[in-house]
Protein backbone atom coordinates (compact mmCIF):
# COMPACT_ATOMS: atom_id res chain seq x y z
CA MET A 1 -43.64 179.13 168.25
CA LYS A 2 -47.02 179.55 166.75
CA LYS A 3 -49.00 176.90 164.75
CA GLU A 4 -48.92 179.18 161.80
CA GLU A 5 -45.05 179.92 162.07
CA LEU A 6 -44.20 176.40 162.21
CA LYS A 7 -46.31 176.00 159.24
CA ILE A 8 -44.34 178.39 157.26
CA ILE A 9 -40.96 176.72 158.19
CA LYS A 10 -42.25 173.43 157.33
CA LEU A 11 -43.28 174.68 153.91
CA GLU A 12 -40.04 176.33 153.54
CA ASN A 13 -38.06 173.31 154.38
CA LEU A 14 -40.20 171.46 151.63
CA LYS A 15 -38.99 173.85 149.12
CA ASP A 16 -35.88 173.42 149.63
CA ASP A 17 -36.07 169.71 149.38
CA PHE A 18 -37.50 169.98 146.37
CA LEU A 19 -35.46 172.47 144.45
CA THR A 20 -32.56 170.34 145.73
CA ILE A 21 -33.70 167.46 144.06
CA LEU A 22 -34.80 169.35 141.05
CA LEU A 23 -30.91 170.50 140.55
CA ARG A 24 -29.36 166.92 141.00
CA LEU A 25 -32.21 165.75 138.12
CA THR A 26 -30.81 168.17 135.75
CA TYR A 27 -27.55 166.32 135.95
CA ILE A 28 -27.90 162.62 137.08
CA ARG A 29 -27.60 160.21 134.32
CA ASN A 30 -28.53 156.75 136.35
CA LYS A 31 -31.87 155.73 134.90
CA LYS A 32 -32.95 154.09 138.01
CA LYS A 33 -32.08 157.09 140.37
CA ARG A 34 -33.85 159.49 138.05
CA LYS A 35 -36.88 157.73 138.25
CA GLN A 36 -36.59 157.42 142.10
CA LEU A 37 -35.79 161.01 142.39
CA MET A 38 -39.11 161.71 139.99
CA LYS A 39 -40.82 159.99 142.22
CA ARG A 40 -39.52 161.81 145.35
CA ALA A 41 -39.83 165.43 143.51
CA LYS A 42 -43.68 165.02 142.76
CA ALA A 43 -44.54 163.72 145.88
CA ILE A 44 -43.05 166.56 147.81
CA ALA A 45 -44.38 169.43 144.77
CA ASN A 46 -47.84 167.81 145.66
CA LYS A 47 -47.53 169.31 149.07
CA ILE A 48 -46.15 172.78 148.05
CA PRO A 49 -49.28 174.39 146.96
CA GLU A 50 -47.31 176.61 144.00
CA PHE A 51 -45.62 173.55 142.86
CA LYS A 52 -48.49 171.10 142.79
CA GLY A 53 -48.83 169.22 139.47
CA TRP A 54 -45.35 169.36 138.51
CA PRO A 55 -44.10 168.42 136.10
CA LYS A 56 -47.16 168.22 133.91
CA GLY A 57 -47.76 171.53 131.53
CA LYS A 58 -46.79 174.65 132.38
CA LYS A 59 -46.01 173.86 136.07
CA PHE A 60 -42.63 172.19 134.83
CA TRP A 61 -41.66 175.82 133.34
CA ASP A 62 -43.15 177.75 136.22
CA VAL A 63 -40.97 175.93 138.48
CA GLU A 64 -37.72 176.06 136.09
CA ALA A 65 -38.37 179.78 136.25
CA LEU A 66 -36.73 179.72 139.84
CA ALA A 67 -33.26 178.84 138.46
CA TRP A 68 -33.09 179.02 134.74
CA VAL A 69 -30.71 181.66 134.67
CA VAL A 70 -27.91 179.35 136.22
CA LYS A 71 -29.01 175.98 134.17
CA ILE A 72 -27.16 177.60 131.49
CA PRO A 73 -23.54 178.36 132.10
CA LYS A 74 -22.80 182.10 132.17
CA HIS A 75 -19.84 182.17 129.50
CA VAL A 76 -22.31 180.13 126.91
CA ARG A 77 -25.30 182.95 127.69
CA GLN A 78 -22.52 185.53 127.05
CA PHE A 79 -21.46 183.84 123.79
CA ILE A 80 -24.81 183.26 122.57
CA ARG A 81 -26.03 187.02 122.89
CA LYS A 82 -22.54 188.10 121.25
CA GLU A 83 -23.57 185.96 118.25
CA LEU A 84 -27.36 187.05 117.82
CA LEU A 85 -25.98 190.65 117.94
CA LYS A 86 -23.91 189.97 115.28
CA ARG A 87 -26.79 188.39 113.02
CA ILE A 88 -29.75 190.98 113.99
CA LYS A 89 -30.51 194.70 113.08
CA LEU A 90 -29.49 196.65 116.30
CA SER A 91 -31.53 199.69 115.62
CA GLY A 92 -34.53 197.35 114.97
CA MET A 93 -37.15 195.57 117.32
CA ASN A 94 -36.86 191.53 118.23
CA LEU A 95 -39.37 189.11 119.02
CA SER A 96 -37.68 186.44 121.59
CA LEU A 97 -39.77 183.44 121.14
CA GLY A 98 -39.58 181.44 124.81
CA SER A 99 -37.74 183.95 126.11
CA GLY A 100 -37.65 182.53 129.83
CA SER A 101 -35.69 184.29 132.49
CA TYR A 102 -32.59 185.55 130.58
CA PRO A 103 -33.98 187.31 126.96
CA TYR A 104 -30.58 187.79 125.07
CA VAL A 105 -31.33 190.98 122.88
CA ARG A 106 -32.05 193.91 124.84
CA LYS A 107 -34.15 195.43 122.47
CA SER A 108 -36.88 192.65 122.47
CA VAL A 109 -40.52 191.99 122.99
CA LEU A 110 -40.74 188.74 125.25
CA LEU A 111 -43.18 186.37 124.53
CA ASP A 112 -43.25 183.13 127.01
CA TYR A 113 -45.80 180.46 127.90
CA SER A 114 -44.87 180.74 131.49
CA GLU A 115 -45.69 183.97 133.64
CA LYS A 116 -43.28 182.95 136.14
CA MET A 117 -40.32 182.95 133.87
CA LEU A 118 -41.19 186.66 132.89
CA GLU A 119 -41.72 187.81 136.46
CA GLN A 120 -37.81 186.51 136.61
CA VAL A 121 -36.37 188.83 134.26
CA ILE A 122 -34.83 191.36 136.07
CA VAL A 123 -34.00 194.21 133.44
CA LYS A 124 -36.90 196.11 132.09
CA PHE A 125 -38.20 195.28 128.57
CA LYS A 126 -40.95 197.17 126.37
CA LYS A 127 -43.39 194.55 126.64
CA LYS A 128 -43.61 190.85 128.29
CA VAL A 129 -46.24 188.71 126.75
CA VAL A 130 -47.66 185.56 128.05
CA HIS A 131 -48.69 183.36 125.08
CA ASP A 132 -48.20 179.70 124.11
CA ILE A 133 -46.11 179.82 121.24
CA GLN A 134 -47.90 177.08 119.54
CA LYS A 135 -51.21 178.95 119.67
CA ILE A 136 -51.79 180.48 116.33
CA PRO A 137 -52.00 183.49 115.75
CA TRP A 138 -49.79 185.33 118.02
CA PRO A 139 -50.81 188.66 119.40
CA PHE A 140 -48.80 190.67 116.94
CA LYS A 141 -49.61 192.54 113.57
CA LYS A 142 -48.18 191.55 110.37
CA ASN A 143 -44.54 192.76 109.34
CA THR A 144 -43.98 194.26 113.19
CA PHE A 145 -40.22 192.78 113.80
CA ASP A 146 -37.04 192.98 112.34
CA SER A 147 -35.73 189.88 113.58
CA ILE A 148 -36.96 186.97 115.65
CA SER A 149 -34.68 184.69 118.11
CA ALA A 150 -35.36 181.37 119.19
CA VAL A 151 -32.93 179.81 121.71
CA PHE A 152 -33.40 176.41 122.88
CA ILE A 153 -36.92 176.15 122.22
CA ILE A 154 -37.85 174.62 119.23
CA ASN A 155 -37.57 170.48 120.45
CA TYR A 156 -40.49 171.21 122.68
CA LEU A 157 -42.83 172.60 119.70
CA LYS A 158 -44.89 170.28 117.83
CA ASN A 159 -45.80 171.94 114.65
CA LEU A 160 -42.81 173.42 113.50
CA LYS A 161 -44.30 174.47 110.08
CA LYS A 162 -47.15 176.31 111.72
CA VAL A 163 -44.92 178.21 113.90
CA PHE A 164 -42.64 179.28 111.19
CA LYS A 165 -45.52 180.16 109.20
CA GLU A 166 -46.52 182.71 111.81
CA ALA A 167 -42.95 183.91 112.35
CA LYS A 168 -43.13 184.90 108.80
CA ARG A 169 -46.34 186.82 109.18
CA VAL A 170 -45.05 188.86 112.08
CA LEU A 171 -41.66 189.60 110.59
CA LYS A 172 -40.86 192.70 108.05
CA THR A 173 -39.36 192.09 104.63
CA LYS A 174 -35.88 190.93 104.87
CA GLY A 175 -36.12 190.19 108.36
CA LYS A 176 -34.61 187.15 109.87
CA LEU A 177 -35.64 184.21 112.19
CA ILE A 178 -32.51 183.02 114.25
CA ILE A 179 -32.76 179.51 115.98
CA VAL A 180 -30.25 178.45 118.40
CA GLN A 181 -29.88 174.63 119.02
CA SER A 182 -27.52 172.70 120.93
CA ALA A 183 -25.34 170.33 118.56
CA LYS A 184 -25.33 167.77 121.36
CA PRO A 185 -29.01 165.89 122.50
CA LEU A 186 -30.46 167.53 125.62
CA GLY A 187 -30.09 166.04 129.15
CA GLU A 188 -32.26 163.38 129.82
CA PHE A 189 -34.25 165.41 132.40
CA TYR A 190 -35.69 168.12 129.63
CA ARG A 191 -36.50 165.39 127.30
CA ILE A 192 -39.37 164.60 129.49
CA LYS A 193 -40.94 168.09 127.70
CA GLU A 194 -39.62 167.45 124.41
CA ALA A 195 -42.02 167.35 121.33
CA LYS A 196 -39.25 166.05 119.40
CA GLU A 197 -35.61 166.11 118.34
CA TYR A 198 -35.03 168.52 115.39
CA LYS A 199 -31.84 168.09 113.64
CA PRO A 200 -30.45 171.41 112.17
CA ASP A 201 -31.28 170.24 108.47
CA ASP A 202 -34.83 169.27 109.50
CA ILE A 203 -35.30 172.70 110.60
CA ALA A 204 -33.51 174.20 107.55
CA LYS A 205 -35.77 172.02 105.32
CA ILE A 206 -38.88 173.51 106.54
CA LEU A 207 -37.98 176.93 106.64
CA LYS A 208 -37.05 176.46 102.71
CA GLN A 209 -40.23 174.74 102.21
CA LEU A 210 -42.04 178.44 103.74
CA GLY A 211 -39.59 180.49 101.33
CA PHE A 212 -37.02 181.42 103.87
CA LYS A 213 -33.67 182.02 102.59
CA THR A 214 -31.43 179.90 105.15
CA LYS A 215 -28.19 179.49 106.63
CA VAL A 216 -26.93 176.83 108.99
CA GLU A 217 -23.68 177.66 111.25
CA LYS A 218 -22.10 175.32 113.99
CA LYS A 219 -20.11 177.36 116.60
CA LYS A 220 -18.07 176.39 119.34
CA THR A 221 -17.31 177.92 122.61
CA LYS A 222 -15.31 175.86 125.25
CA ARG A 223 -16.75 172.49 125.53
CA THR A 224 -20.25 173.56 124.11
CA SER A 225 -21.27 172.98 120.68
CA LEU A 226 -23.97 174.97 119.30
CA VAL A 227 -26.11 175.69 115.82
CA PHE A 228 -27.33 178.77 114.68
CA ILE A 229 -29.93 178.30 112.01
CA GLU A 230 -31.07 181.56 110.13
CA GLY A 231 -33.93 182.07 108.09
CA ARG A 232 -34.35 185.39 106.07
CA LYS A 233 -37.82 186.13 104.87
């Protein structure tokens, strides 16, 4: 076997080891074991050119893109999609903030920090935009969207007031910002990227301060409790 072929096989084996550890990290609760696995994962990631630097910055989400869809159970994704479609204007255009690799609303413009996430989207969308949500202004004109959806991303944002103010700018009159949060705290693995754990009341308070009409609803599907927070312009 040629040297180049051996090199490729070795790299693929490293990727398999890394992704196996990553899957374990998502669910493991023991702090000591999680710390050991994190150390091992970092060491392996640094041997793989495309993963080098994980879990710092955008690299964390670039790697998560490889298995993002399966991280959220199918029945939960379907439930969220159904609830979002109840709340938005179906004939209008939605902006999917931090869409990841699984946008919930078909008629959407996708905006995400990670280009790798958008590359994993298997359905064609009108437009995909690589942009940091916290970098204001967003590359859209005033009064562009009928709705904005933000699913499981709020806790990763540092300045919610600034983000919501920008959302208001790009929303049309009577447009809605719809935020979906887990009613329970995130798993420990994802907390390493959290800016803050925002409570539904905290989010609603900021929306009200900016002049949004707000509504908070708690919904349950099987063993998952979700919170839907609406802000109408």
